[in-house]
Amino acid sequence: MTDVNVVIAPLQLVYPPISNYQAILLEEDDATVERLRRSDLYMIGARAQALFDLTAYESVGTADAPAHRFGISAGGIQGTFDLDFNALLAFHDIDLADGEVTFLGGETYLGFWVGEPTDADGEQLEPFEWFTPEKLIHDRGLDRPGITGLDNYRDFATYELLYVGMAADSDTFERLITGSHAARQKILGAEFPRRVGARVSDEIVFFAFDIVHFRMRTMTESLGFLPSDADTAQAHDRAVTADAEKAFIKLLDPAYNTVKYQQYPRGADGLFAAGLSSYGYFLNQNLTFVTDTGELYGSTKPVWLDDSYAQVPDSGADVIVIRGTDLAVFKGEQHAED
């Protein structure tokens, strides 16, 4: 009996989606940069700019359980979400005895503080919690404690996929954000605003992915997992990333990828010659990418424990599967019924 080797590679975001404009502002944030450097596969998408609607603000909680409602819109998509202040405080292990929760906000940002948001000299203090519209949509998709409502978050989390790329010798932060990325510049120059009054820079969204490399092997006469040593494993992981980039480009044909990899799955730097029986990719995130060619529906089931979570793959995600020279997409169970 022949051994069966399979690779299933979920794609997970290392950081919430960020607009081109926000990426510029975050370049000096060391914690954000560190997280973005964990990614070597990235995508560029677009959607009408999402904005908070503070005119929809109202208190919907009680004195013991204060919660407040906010509005959000993106083009013709509208919704409301509730923030439970006690849950947000508990998430950050903060004692409200230090003062009441205050917030400052506008269409593109909400910041939350215990007590005053500024110090005695008028300098703004670091908020204990903050949201941009993209971060709020992302966190709601992960069932983040303290955020309820916005049951139509999947409508907000649907993006036109414009480009797929990888950082072969660096990372997503260096390749896409600080580097002179040709496709990024072309997109910013060629795209038109999707919302009246928006800047293109506000509507171009970056997605920094890490690929979780699961390696499974059904064995007969031999034992052990493949690959078996660190150098081989590293080379294997690079091949998985290179192959995933090509798979998404071949399947969805993003408008700004000029190299189309027509011969994929065949290729020198992917998995075609790795001796695998089959391999596949899926978005382990509650978001959807669409192009003129089709769509890929991602899905995950987050499990929270205190202030951390695990993203458990579920049957709702579309899965790209490659067997030999065949490439197919298996629709997720829930999505296939829509």
C-alpha atoms as a PDB file:
ATOM      1  CA  MET A   1       0.000   0.000   0.000  1.00  0.00           C
ATOM      2  CA  THR A   2       1.334   3.422  -0.959  1.00  0.00           C
ATOM      3  CA  ASP A   3       1.754   6.067   1.760  1.00  0.00           C
ATOM      4  CA  VAL A   4      -0.702   8.956   1.481  1.00  0.00           C
ATOM      5  CA  ASN A   5       0.728  12.421   2.133  1.00  0.00           C
ATOM      6  CA  VAL A   6      -1.629  15.359   2.547  1.00  0.00           C
ATOM      7  CA  VAL A   7      -1.050  19.037   3.375  1.00  0.00           C
ATOM      8  CA  ILE A   8      -3.944  21.215   4.513  1.00  0.00           C
ATOM      9  CA  ALA A   9      -2.935  24.846   4.990  1.00  0.00           C
ATOM     10  CA  PRO A  10      -5.377  27.295   6.633  1.00  0.00           C
ATOM     11  CA  LEU A  11      -4.696  31.009   6.102  1.00  0.00           C
ATOM     12  CA  GLN A  12      -5.125  33.208   9.173  1.00  0.00           C
ATOM     13  CA  LEU A  13      -4.659  36.944   9.606  1.00  0.00           C
ATOM     14  CA  VAL A  14      -1.840  38.022  11.902  1.00  0.00           C
ATOM     15  CA  TYR A  15      -3.473  41.449  12.298  1.00  0.00           C
ATOM     16  CA  PRO A  16      -6.920  42.873  11.507  1.00  0.00           C
ATOM     17  CA  PRO A  17      -7.345  44.241   7.967  1.00  0.00           C
ATOM     18  CA  ILE A  18      -5.907  47.731   7.617  1.00  0.00           C
ATOM     19  CA  SER A  19      -6.440  50.380   4.986  1.00  0.00           C
ATOM     20  CA  ASN A  20      -3.541  51.791   3.020  1.00  0.00           C
ATOM     21  CA  TYR A  21      -3.888  55.059   4.947  1.00  0.00           C
ATOM     22  CA  GLN A  22      -3.934  53.314   8.342  1.00  0.00           C
ATOM     23  CA  ALA A  23      -0.885  51.263   7.378  1.00  0.00           C
ATOM     24  CA  ILE A  24       1.098  54.474   7.045  1.00  0.00           C
ATOM     25  CA  LEU A  25       0.046  55.570  10.542  1.00  0.00           C
ATOM     26  CA  LEU A  26       0.937  52.206  12.092  1.00  0.00           C
ATOM     27  CA  GLU A  27       4.496  52.097  10.789  1.00  0.00           C
ATOM     28  CA  GLU A  28       5.784  53.561  14.060  1.00  0.00           C
ATOM     29  CA  ASP A  29       3.840  51.148  16.278  1.00  0.00           C
ATOM     30  CA  ASP A  30       6.371  48.509  17.309  1.00  0.00           C
ATOM     31  CA  ALA A  31       3.771  45.979  18.474  1.00  0.00           C
ATOM     32  CA  THR A  32       1.889  46.181  15.178  1.00  0.00           C
ATOM     33  CA  VAL A  33       5.076  45.937  13.142  1.00  0.00           C
ATOM     34  CA  GLU A  34       6.112  42.835  15.086  1.00  0.00           C
ATOM     35  CA  ARG A  35       2.823  41.134  14.253  1.00  0.00           C
ATOM     36  CA  LEU A  36       2.950  42.104  10.584  1.00  0.00           C
ATOM     37  CA  ARG A  37       6.452  40.646  10.333  1.00  0.00           C
ATOM     38  CA  ARG A  38       4.988  37.222  11.143  1.00  0.00           C
ATOM     39  CA  SER A  39       3.322  37.230   7.733  1.00  0.00           C
ATOM     40  CA  ASP A  40       4.859  36.404   4.373  1.00  0.00           C
ATOM     41  CA  LEU A  41       1.668  36.070   2.308  1.00  0.00           C
ATOM     42  CA  TYR A  42      -0.484  39.120   1.745  1.00  0.00           C
ATOM     43  CA  MET A  43      -3.496  40.232  -0.229  1.00  0.00           C
ATOM     44  CA  ILE A  44      -4.794  43.625  -1.298  1.00  0.00           C
ATOM     45  CA  GLY A  45      -8.542  44.126  -1.443  1.00  0.00           C
ATOM     46  CA  ALA A  46     -11.050  46.920  -1.776  1.00  0.00           C
ATOM     47  CA  ARG A  47     -14.486  47.828  -0.468  1.00  0.00           C
ATOM     48  CA  ALA A  48     -16.425  51.050  -0.029  1.00  0.00           C
ATOM     49  CA  GLN A  49     -14.971  52.816   2.997  1.00  0.00           C
ATOM     50  CA  ALA A  50     -16.597  51.727   6.251  1.00  0.00           C
ATOM     51  CA  LEU A  51     -17.491  54.559   8.631  1.00  0.00           C
ATOM     52  CA  PHE A  52     -18.854  54.726  12.149  1.00  0.00           C
ATOM     53  CA  ASP A  53     -22.176  56.520  12.523  1.00  0.00           C
ATOM     54  CA  LEU A  54     -22.212  58.276  15.876  1.00  0.00           C
ATOM     55  CA  THR A  55     -25.677  59.711  15.238  1.00  0.00           C
ATOM     56  CA  ALA A  56     -26.929  56.187  15.981  1.00  0.00           C
ATOM     57  CA  TYR A  57     -25.259  56.296  19.405  1.00  0.00           C
ATOM     58  CA  GLU A  58     -27.485  55.435  22.357  1.00  0.00           C
ATOM     59  CA  SER A  59     -27.276  53.774  25.740  1.00  0.00           C
ATOM     60  CA  VAL A  60     -28.861  50.319  25.615  1.00  0.00           C
ATOM     61  CA  GLY A  61     -27.551  48.839  28.851  1.00  0.00           C
ATOM     62  CA  THR A  62     -28.325  49.256  32.529  1.00  0.00           C
ATOM     63  CA  ALA A  63     -26.534  50.968  35.386  1.00  0.00           C
ATOM     64  CA  ASP A  64     -24.976  47.650  36.366  1.00  0.00           C
ATOM     65  CA  ALA A  65     -24.256  46.553  32.797  1.00  0.00           C
ATOM     66  CA  PRO A  66     -23.598  49.657  30.714  1.00  0.00           C
ATOM     67  CA  ALA A  67     -23.683  49.097  26.961  1.00  0.00           C
ATOM     68  CA  HIS A  68     -23.815  51.545  24.118  1.00  0.00           C
ATOM     69  CA  ARG A  69     -24.968  51.244  20.530  1.00  0.00           C
ATOM     70  CA  PHE A  70     -23.138  52.623  17.533  1.00  0.00           C
ATOM     71  CA  GLY A  71     -23.861  52.589  13.831  1.00  0.00           C
ATOM     72  CA  ILE A  72     -21.607  51.587  10.958  1.00  0.00           C
ATOM     73  CA  SER A  73     -21.990  51.761   7.182  1.00  0.00           C
ATOM     74  CA  ALA A  74     -20.014  50.882   4.062  1.00  0.00           C
ATOM     75  CA  GLY A  75     -21.562  52.011   0.792  1.00  0.00           C
ATOM     76  CA  GLY A  76     -25.096  50.655   0.836  1.00  0.00           C
ATOM     77  CA  ILE A  77     -24.419  48.313   3.779  1.00  0.00           C
ATOM     78  CA  GLN A  78     -25.630  49.465   7.177  1.00  0.00           C
ATOM     79  CA  GLY A  79     -25.705  48.002  10.647  1.00  0.00           C
ATOM     80  CA  THR A  80     -25.461  48.637  14.376  1.00  0.00           C
ATOM     81  CA  PHE A  81     -23.318  47.081  17.083  1.00  0.00           C
ATOM     82  CA  ASP A  82     -23.328  47.234  20.873  1.00  0.00           C
ATOM     83  CA  LEU A  83     -20.267  47.582  23.066  1.00  0.00           C
ATOM     84  CA  ASP A  84     -20.548  46.190  26.605  1.00  0.00           C
ATOM     85  CA  PHE A  85     -18.167  48.333  28.645  1.00  0.00           C
ATOM     86  CA  ASN A  86     -17.977  45.869  31.545  1.00  0.00           C
ATOM     87  CA  ALA A  87     -17.006  43.074  29.152  1.00  0.00           C
ATOM     88  CA  LEU A  88     -14.367  45.267  27.491  1.00  0.00           C
ATOM     89  CA  LEU A  89     -12.916  46.140  30.891  1.00  0.00           C
ATOM     90  CA  ALA A  90     -12.895  42.502  31.989  1.00  0.00           C
ATOM     91  CA  PHE A  91     -11.215  41.534  28.724  1.00  0.00           C
ATOM     92  CA  HIS A  92      -8.337  43.851  29.603  1.00  0.00           C
ATOM     93  CA  ASP A  93      -8.467  42.978  33.335  1.00  0.00           C
ATOM     94  CA  ILE A  94      -9.187  46.597  34.301  1.00  0.00           C
ATOM     95  CA  ASP A  95     -10.885  47.654  37.540  1.00  0.00           C
ATOM     96  CA  LEU A  96     -13.501  50.338  36.972  1.00  0.00           C
ATOM     97  CA  ALA A  97     -12.783  51.740  40.452  1.00  0.00           C
ATOM     98  CA  ASP A  98     -10.205  53.954  38.757  1.00  0.00           C
ATOM     99  CA  GLY A  99     -12.951  56.010  37.087  1.00  0.00           C
ATOM    100  CA  GLU A 100     -15.749  55.898  34.539  1.00  0.00           C
ATOM    101  CA  VAL A 101     -15.284  54.775  30.954  1.00  0.00           C
ATOM    102  CA  THR A 102     -15.002  57.664  28.523  1.00  0.00           C
ATOM    103  CA  PHE A 103     -14.611  57.559  24.791  1.00  0.00           C
ATOM    104  CA  LEU A 104     -13.635  59.796  21.923  1.00  0.00           C
ATOM    105  CA  GLY A 105     -14.535  58.983  18.390  1.00  0.00           C
ATOM    106  CA  GLY A 106     -15.488  59.925  14.906  1.00  0.00           C
ATOM    107  CA  GLU A 107     -16.237  58.249  11.616  1.00  0.00           C
ATOM    108  CA  THR A 108     -12.957  56.334  11.451  1.00  0.00           C
ATOM    109  CA  TYR A 109     -11.928  55.721  15.066  1.00  0.00           C
ATOM    110  CA  LEU A 110     -13.303  54.915  18.519  1.00  0.00           C
ATOM    111  CA  GLY A 111     -11.024  55.088  21.567  1.00  0.00           C
ATOM    112  CA  PHE A 112     -11.921  54.111  25.147  1.00  0.00           C
ATOM    113  CA  TRP A 113     -10.317  55.207  28.412  1.00  0.00           C
ATOM    114  CA  VAL A 114     -10.905  54.784  32.126  1.00  0.00           C
ATOM    115  CA  GLY A 115     -11.087  58.353  33.350  1.00  0.00           C
ATOM    116  CA  GLU A 116      -9.928  61.249  31.207  1.00  0.00           C
ATOM    117  CA  PRO A 117      -8.379  60.554  27.802  1.00  0.00           C
ATOM    118  CA  THR A 118      -5.717  63.226  28.325  1.00  0.00           C
ATOM    119  CA  ASP A 119      -3.169  63.913  31.027  1.00  0.00           C
ATOM    120  CA  ALA A 120      -2.660  67.140  32.985  1.00  0.00           C
ATOM    121  CA  ASP A 121      -0.666  68.617  30.087  1.00  0.00           C
ATOM    122  CA  GLY A 122      -3.403  67.840  27.562  1.00  0.00           C
ATOM    123  CA  GLU A 123      -1.513  64.968  25.937  1.00  0.00           C
ATOM    124  CA  GLN A 124      -3.698  62.069  24.821  1.00  0.00           C
ATOM    125  CA  LEU A 125      -3.175  58.920  26.855  1.00  0.00           C
ATOM    126  CA  GLU A 126      -3.105  55.416  25.421  1.00  0.00           C
ATOM    127  CA  PRO A 127      -6.676  54.009  25.276  1.00  0.00           C
ATOM    128  CA  PHE A 128      -7.339  50.644  26.878  1.00  0.00           C
ATOM    129  CA  GLU A 129      -9.387  49.719  23.795  1.00  0.00           C
ATOM    130  CA  TRP A 130      -9.790  51.121  20.299  1.00  0.00           C
ATOM    131  CA  PHE A 131     -11.506  50.282  17.042  1.00  0.00           C
ATOM    132  CA  THR A 132     -11.260  51.324  13.462  1.00  0.00           C
ATOM    133  CA  PRO A 133     -14.210  50.180  11.332  1.00  0.00           C
ATOM    134  CA  GLU A 134     -12.103  47.365   9.843  1.00  0.00           C
ATOM    135  CA  LYS A 135     -10.918  46.201  13.275  1.00  0.00           C
ATOM    136  CA  LEU A 136     -14.489  46.293  14.606  1.00  0.00           C
ATOM    137  CA  ILE A 137     -15.742  44.170  11.698  1.00  0.00           C
ATOM    138  CA  HIS A 138     -12.834  41.755  12.148  1.00  0.00           C
ATOM    139  CA  ASP A 139     -13.334  41.464  15.915  1.00  0.00           C
ATOM    140  CA  ARG A 140     -17.085  40.960  15.535  1.00  0.00           C
ATOM    141  CA  GLY A 141     -16.353  38.165  13.073  1.00  0.00           C
ATOM    142  CA  LEU A 142     -14.300  36.492  15.800  1.00  0.00           C
ATOM    143  CA  ASP A 143     -17.102  36.857  18.392  1.00  0.00           C
ATOM    144  CA  ARG A 144     -14.885  39.127  20.436  1.00  0.00           C
ATOM    145  CA  PRO A 145     -16.236  39.469  24.015  1.00  0.00           C
ATOM    146  CA  GLY A 146     -17.955  42.804  24.562  1.00  0.00           C
ATOM    147  CA  ILE A 147     -19.175  43.199  20.964  1.00  0.00           C
ATOM    148  CA  THR A 148     -22.697  42.160  20.003  1.00  0.00           C
ATOM    149  CA  GLY A 149     -25.107  43.014  17.223  1.00  0.00           C
ATOM    150  CA  LEU A 150     -23.923  43.586  13.649  1.00  0.00           C
ATOM    151  CA  ASP A 151     -25.361  40.246  12.603  1.00  0.00           C
ATOM    152  CA  ASN A 152     -24.705  41.204   8.966  1.00  0.00           C
ATOM    153  CA  TYR A 153     -20.961  41.532   9.551  1.00  0.00           C
ATOM    154  CA  ARG A 154     -20.303  39.147   6.651  1.00  0.00           C
ATOM    155  CA  ASP A 155     -21.662  41.791   4.282  1.00  0.00           C
ATOM    156  CA  PHE A 156     -19.049  44.218   5.603  1.00  0.00           C
ATOM    157  CA  ALA A 157     -16.346  41.528   5.508  1.00  0.00           C
ATOM    158  CA  THR A 158     -16.679  40.941   1.751  1.00  0.00           C
ATOM    159  CA  TYR A 159     -13.873  42.475  -0.301  1.00  0.00           C
ATOM    160  CA  GLU A 160     -12.946  42.698  -3.963  1.00  0.00           C
ATOM    161  CA  LEU A 161      -9.597  40.920  -4.245  1.00  0.00           C
ATOM    162  CA  LEU A 162      -7.151  42.990  -6.295  1.00  0.00           C
ATOM    163  CA  TYR A 163      -3.761  41.376  -5.699  1.00  0.00           C
ATOM    164  CA  VAL A 164      -2.062  38.385  -4.064  1.00  0.00           C
ATOM    165  CA  GLY A 165       1.643  38.399  -3.225  1.00  0.00           C
ATOM    166  CA  MET A 166       4.322  36.863  -1.043  1.00  0.00           C
ATOM    167  CA  ALA A 167       7.452  38.174   0.626  1.00  0.00           C
ATOM    168  CA  ALA A 168       9.962  35.575  -0.537  1.00  0.00           C
ATOM    169  CA  ASP A 169      13.018  36.972   1.248  1.00  0.00           C
ATOM    170  CA  SER A 170      11.476  39.252   3.882  1.00  0.00           C
ATOM    171  CA  ASP A 171       8.002  39.699   5.414  1.00  0.00           C
ATOM    172  CA  THR A 172       4.718  41.408   4.646  1.00  0.00           C
ATOM    173  CA  PHE A 173       5.591  44.571   6.565  1.00  0.00           C
ATOM    174  CA  GLU A 174       8.824  45.119   4.650  1.00  0.00           C
ATOM    175  CA  ARG A 175       7.555  43.930   1.274  1.00  0.00           C
ATOM    176  CA  LEU A 176       4.136  45.578   1.149  1.00  0.00           C
ATOM    177  CA  ILE A 177       4.074  48.479   3.595  1.00  0.00           C
ATOM    178  CA  THR A 178       7.557  50.010   3.793  1.00  0.00           C
ATOM    179  CA  GLY A 179       8.826  48.854   0.406  1.00  0.00           C
ATOM    180  CA  SER A 180       8.119  50.451  -2.951  1.00  0.00           C
ATOM    181  CA  HIS A 181       5.503  47.885  -3.919  1.00  0.00           C
ATOM    182  CA  ALA A 182       4.712  48.304  -7.619  1.00  0.00           C
ATOM    183  CA  ALA A 183       1.239  46.749  -7.550  1.00  0.00           C
ATOM    184  CA  ARG A 184       0.249  48.792  -4.489  1.00  0.00           C
ATOM    185  CA  GLN A 185       1.238  52.007  -6.255  1.00  0.00           C
ATOM    186  CA  LYS A 186      -0.540  50.971  -9.433  1.00  0.00           C
ATOM    187  CA  ILE A 187      -3.721  50.199  -7.509  1.00  0.00           C
ATOM    188  CA  LEU A 188      -3.646  53.542  -5.704  1.00  0.00           C
ATOM    189  CA  GLY A 189      -3.173  55.323  -9.021  1.00  0.00           C
ATOM    190  CA  ALA A 190      -5.715  53.395 -11.079  1.00  0.00           C
ATOM    191  CA  GLU A 191      -8.643  52.710  -8.750  1.00  0.00           C
ATOM    192  CA  PHE A 192     -11.596  55.061  -8.260  1.00  0.00           C
ATOM    193  CA  PRO A 193     -13.309  55.751  -4.911  1.00  0.00           C
ATOM    194  CA  ARG A 194     -16.230  53.479  -4.173  1.00  0.00           C
ATOM    195  CA  ARG A 195     -17.843  55.913  -1.751  1.00  0.00           C
ATOM    196  CA  VAL A 196     -18.487  59.534  -2.662  1.00  0.00           C
ATOM    197  CA  GLY A 197     -16.026  61.665  -0.723  1.00  0.00           C
ATOM    198  CA  ALA A 198     -13.668  58.811   0.126  1.00  0.00           C
ATOM    199  CA  ARG A 199      -9.993  58.661  -0.768  1.00  0.00           C
ATOM    200  CA  VAL A 200      -8.771  55.589  -2.593  1.00  0.00           C
ATOM    201  CA  SER A 201      -6.210  55.219   0.198  1.00  0.00           C
ATOM    202  CA  ASP A 202      -9.100  54.675   2.652  1.00  0.00           C
ATOM    203  CA  GLU A 203     -10.701  51.938   0.556  1.00  0.00           C
ATOM    204  CA  ILE A 204      -7.663  49.839  -0.345  1.00  0.00           C
ATOM    205  CA  VAL A 205      -7.321  47.224   2.396  1.00  0.00           C
ATOM    206  CA  PHE A 206      -4.293  45.069   3.285  1.00  0.00           C
ATOM    207  CA  PHE A 207      -4.540  41.505   4.608  1.00  0.00           C
ATOM    208  CA  ALA A 208      -1.431  40.007   6.226  1.00  0.00           C
ATOM    209  CA  PHE A 209      -1.708  36.209   6.405  1.00  0.00           C
ATOM    210  CA  ASP A 210       0.209  33.472   8.097  1.00  0.00           C
ATOM    211  CA  ILE A 211      -0.198  29.933   6.788  1.00  0.00           C
ATOM    212  CA  VAL A 212      -0.660  27.321   9.469  1.00  0.00           C
ATOM    213  CA  HIS A 213       1.154  24.307   8.080  1.00  0.00           C
ATOM    214  CA  PHE A 214      -0.535  21.083   9.057  1.00  0.00           C
ATOM    215  CA  ARG A 215       1.345  18.015   7.905  1.00  0.00           C
ATOM    216  CA  MET A 216      -0.449  14.687   7.982  1.00  0.00           C
ATOM    217  CA  ARG A 217       0.710  11.320   6.799  1.00  0.00           C
ATOM    218  CA  THR A 218      -0.972   7.958   6.558  1.00  0.00           C
ATOM    219  CA  MET A 219       1.864   5.468   6.996  1.00  0.00           C
ATOM    220  CA  THR A 220       2.322   1.824   6.184  1.00  0.00           C
ATOM    221  CA  GLU A 221       5.803   0.405   6.713  1.00  0.00           C
ATOM    222  CA  SER A 222       7.468   3.615   7.917  1.00  0.00           C
ATOM    223  CA  LEU A 223       6.806   5.869  10.875  1.00  0.00           C
ATOM    224  CA  GLY A 224       7.310   9.583  11.402  1.00  0.00           C
ATOM    225  CA  PHE A 225       5.995  12.886  10.142  1.00  0.00           C
ATOM    226  CA  LEU A 226       7.234  14.633   7.034  1.00  0.00           C
ATOM    227  CA  PRO A 227       9.266  16.744   6.824  1.00  0.00           C
ATOM    228  CA  SER A 228      11.455  15.370   9.611  1.00  0.00           C
ATOM    229  CA  ASP A 229      14.104  18.027  10.308  1.00  0.00           C
ATOM    230  CA  ALA A 230      14.173  21.784  10.767  1.00  0.00           C
ATOM    231  CA  ASP A 231      15.860  22.701   7.467  1.00  0.00           C
ATOM    232  CA  THR A 232      13.558  20.479   5.461  1.00  0.00           C
ATOM    233  CA  ALA A 233      10.542  21.820   7.355  1.00  0.00           C
ATOM    234  CA  GLN A 234      11.544  25.428   6.635  1.00  0.00           C
ATOM    235  CA  ALA A 235      11.992  24.702   2.944  1.00  0.00           C
ATOM    236  CA  HIS A 236       8.655  22.912   2.940  1.00  0.00           C
ATOM    237  CA  ASP A 237       6.920  25.903   4.563  1.00  0.00           C
ATOM    238  CA  ARG A 238       8.369  28.271   1.963  1.00  0.00           C
ATOM    239  CA  ALA A 239       7.104  25.958  -0.761  1.00  0.00           C
ATOM    240  CA  VAL A 240       3.637  25.950   0.804  1.00  0.00           C
ATOM    241  CA  THR A 241       3.545  29.756   0.810  1.00  0.00           C
ATOM    242  CA  ALA A 242       4.771  29.982  -2.787  1.00  0.00           C
ATOM    243  CA  ASP A 243       2.242  27.396  -3.863  1.00  0.00           C
ATOM    244  CA  ALA A 244      -0.625  29.100  -2.004  1.00  0.00           C
ATOM    245  CA  GLU A 245       0.129  32.405  -3.726  1.00  0.00           C
ATOM    246  CA  LYS A 246      -0.116  30.747  -7.132  1.00  0.00           C
ATOM    247  CA  ALA A 247      -3.253  28.798  -6.218  1.00  0.00           C
ATOM    248  CA  PHE A 248      -5.161  31.954  -5.257  1.00  0.00           C
ATOM    249  CA  ILE A 249      -3.965  33.794  -8.341  1.00  0.00           C
ATOM    250  CA  LYS A 250      -4.867  30.914 -10.670  1.00  0.00           C
ATOM    251  CA  LEU A 251      -8.264  30.426  -9.078  1.00  0.00           C
ATOM    252  CA  LEU A 252      -9.440  34.020  -8.594  1.00  0.00           C
ATOM    253  CA  ASP A 253      -7.363  35.896 -11.211  1.00  0.00           C
ATOM    254  CA  PRO A 254      -7.004  39.211  -9.309  1.00  0.00           C
ATOM    255  CA  ALA A 255      -6.943  42.203 -11.647  1.00  0.00           C
ATOM    256  CA  TYR A 256      -3.500  43.515 -10.655  1.00  0.00           C
ATOM    257  CA  ASN A 257      -1.565  40.244 -10.741  1.00  0.00           C
ATOM    258  CA  THR A 258       0.141  40.416 -14.118  1.00  0.00           C
ATOM    259  CA  VAL A 259       1.760  36.963 -13.846  1.00  0.00           C
ATOM    260  CA  LYS A 260      -1.108  34.472 -14.019  1.00  0.00           C
ATOM    261  CA  TYR A 261       0.693  31.111 -13.525  1.00  0.00           C
ATOM    262  CA  GLN A 262      -1.206  29.420 -16.308  1.00  0.00           C
ATOM    263  CA  GLN A 263       0.734  26.160 -15.792  1.00  0.00           C
ATOM    264  CA  TYR A 264      -0.184  25.866 -12.118  1.00  0.00           C
ATOM    265  CA  PRO A 265      -0.143  23.442 -10.296  1.00  0.00           C
ATOM    266  CA  ARG A 266       3.065  22.740 -12.182  1.00  0.00           C
ATOM    267  CA  GLY A 267       5.928  24.904 -10.966  1.00  0.00           C
ATOM    268  CA  ALA A 268       9.491  24.813  -9.699  1.00  0.00           C
ATOM    269  CA  ASP A 269       8.987  26.404  -6.266  1.00  0.00           C
ATOM    270  CA  GLY A 270       5.641  25.000  -5.146  1.00  0.00           C
ATOM    271  CA  LEU A 271       4.362  21.610  -4.044  1.00  0.00           C
ATOM    272  CA  PHE A 272       3.767  19.901  -7.382  1.00  0.00           C
ATOM    273  CA  ALA A 273       6.910  17.775  -7.120  1.00  0.00           C
ATOM    274  CA  ALA A 274       6.736  17.265  -3.345  1.00  0.00           C
ATOM    275  CA  GLY A 275       5.206  13.806  -3.607  1.00  0.00           C
ATOM    276  CA  LEU A 276       1.919  14.793  -1.980  1.00  0.00           C
ATOM    277  CA  SER A 277      -1.271  12.906  -2.711  1.00  0.00           C
ATOM    278  CA  SER A 278      -3.210  16.153  -2.399  1.00  0.00           C
ATOM    279  CA  TYR A 279      -2.947  19.553  -0.778  1.00  0.00           C
ATOM    280  CA  GLY A 280      -5.254  22.450  -0.161  1.00  0.00           C
ATOM    281  CA  TYR A 281      -5.870  25.929   1.211  1.00  0.00           C
ATOM    282  CA  PHE A 282      -8.745  27.733   2.863  1.00  0.00           C
ATOM    283  CA  LEU A 283      -9.406  31.049   4.575  1.00  0.00           C
ATOM    284  CA  ASN A 284      -9.662  30.376   8.292  1.00  0.00           C
ATOM    285  CA  GLN A 285     -11.294  33.789   8.711  1.00  0.00           C
ATOM    286  CA  ASN A 286     -14.882  34.991   8.522  1.00  0.00           C
ATOM    287  CA  LEU A 287     -14.418  36.996   5.339  1.00  0.00           C
ATOM    288  CA  THR A 288     -15.006  36.614   1.611  1.00  0.00           C
ATOM    289  CA  PHE A 289     -12.890  37.581  -1.398  1.00  0.00           C
ATOM    290  CA  VAL A 290     -14.562  38.178  -4.767  1.00  0.00           C
ATOM    291  CA  THR A 291     -13.246  38.867  -8.270  1.00  0.00           C
ATOM    292  CA  ASP A 292     -14.787  38.840 -11.736  1.00  0.00           C
ATOM    293  CA  THR A 293     -13.786  35.172 -11.886  1.00  0.00           C
ATOM    294  CA  GLY A 294     -15.474  33.997  -8.702  1.00  0.00           C
ATOM    295  CA  GLU A 295     -15.387  34.131  -4.931  1.00  0.00           C
ATOM    296  CA  LEU A 296     -13.766  32.346  -2.023  1.00  0.00           C
ATOM    297  CA  TYR A 297     -15.742  32.155   1.191  1.00  0.00           C
ATOM    298  CA  GLY A 298     -13.743  31.904   4.393  1.00  0.00           C
ATOM    299  CA  SER A 299     -15.071  30.626   7.688  1.00  0.00           C
ATOM    300  CA  THR A 300     -13.809  29.932  11.191  1.00  0.00           C
ATOM    301  CA  LYS A 301     -15.243  29.117  14.587  1.00  0.00           C
ATOM    302  CA  PRO A 302     -13.396  31.112  17.265  1.00  0.00           C
ATOM    303  CA  VAL A 303     -13.126  29.637  20.742  1.00  0.00           C
ATOM    304  CA  TRP A 304     -12.349  32.186  23.446  1.00  0.00           C
ATOM    305  CA  LEU A 305     -10.588  31.582  26.735  1.00  0.00           C
ATOM    306  CA  ASP A 306     -10.163  34.764  28.754  1.00  0.00           C
ATOM    307  CA  ASP A 307      -8.351  37.216  26.471  1.00  0.00           C
ATOM    308  CA  SER A 308      -7.089  34.733  23.871  1.00  0.00           C
ATOM    309  CA  TYR A 309      -8.754  32.572  21.288  1.00  0.00           C
ATOM    310  CA  ALA A 310      -8.216  29.711  18.896  1.00  0.00           C
ATOM    311  CA  GLN A 311      -9.603  29.745  15.366  1.00  0.00           C
ATOM    312  CA  VAL A 312     -11.122  26.336  14.801  1.00  0.00           C
ATOM    313  CA  PRO A 313     -11.741  25.500  11.129  1.00  0.00           C
ATOM    314  CA  ASP A 314     -15.332  24.621  10.359  1.00  0.00           C
ATOM    315  CA  SER A 315     -17.249  23.173   7.442  1.00  0.00           C
ATOM    316  CA  GLY A 316     -18.377  26.564   6.146  1.00  0.00           C
ATOM    317  CA  ALA A 317     -15.130  27.474   4.383  1.00  0.00           C
ATOM    318  CA  ASP A 318     -14.504  26.945   0.674  1.00  0.00           C
ATOM    319  CA  VAL A 319     -11.430  24.745   0.227  1.00  0.00           C
ATOM    320  CA  ILE A 320      -9.016  24.886  -2.705  1.00  0.00           C
ATOM    321  CA  VAL A 321      -7.855  21.324  -3.371  1.00  0.00           C
ATOM    322  CA  ILE A 322      -5.063  20.223  -5.716  1.00  0.00           C
ATOM    323  CA  ARG A 323      -4.583  16.621  -6.812  1.00  0.00           C
ATOM    324  CA  GLY A 324      -1.930  16.133  -9.442  1.00  0.00           C
ATOM    325  CA  THR A 325      -2.687  18.662 -12.185  1.00  0.00           C
ATOM    326  CA  ASP A 326      -6.305  19.132 -11.089  1.00  0.00           C
ATOM    327  CA  LEU A 327      -7.429  22.191  -9.139  1.00  0.00           C
ATOM    328  CA  ALA A 328     -10.932  22.392  -7.696  1.00  0.00           C
ATOM    329  CA  VAL A 329     -12.884  24.307  -5.079  1.00  0.00           C
ATOM    330  CA  PHE A 330     -15.067  22.439  -2.628  1.00  0.00           C
ATOM    331  CA  LYS A 331     -17.791  24.745  -1.355  1.00  0.00           C
ATOM    332  CA  GLY A 332     -18.327  24.937   2.371  1.00  0.00           C
ATOM    333  CA  GLU A 333     -21.452  23.199   3.621  1.00  0.00           C
ATOM    334  CA  GLN A 334     -23.219  26.251   4.984  1.00  0.00           C
ATOM    335  CA  HIS A 335     -22.141  28.464   2.113  1.00  0.00           C
ATOM    336  CA  ALA A 336     -23.190  25.922  -0.513  1.00  0.00           C
ATOM    337  CA  GLU A 337     -26.748  26.127   0.810  1.00  0.00           C
ATOM    338  CA  ASP A 338     -26.962  29.925   0.463  1.00  0.00           C
END
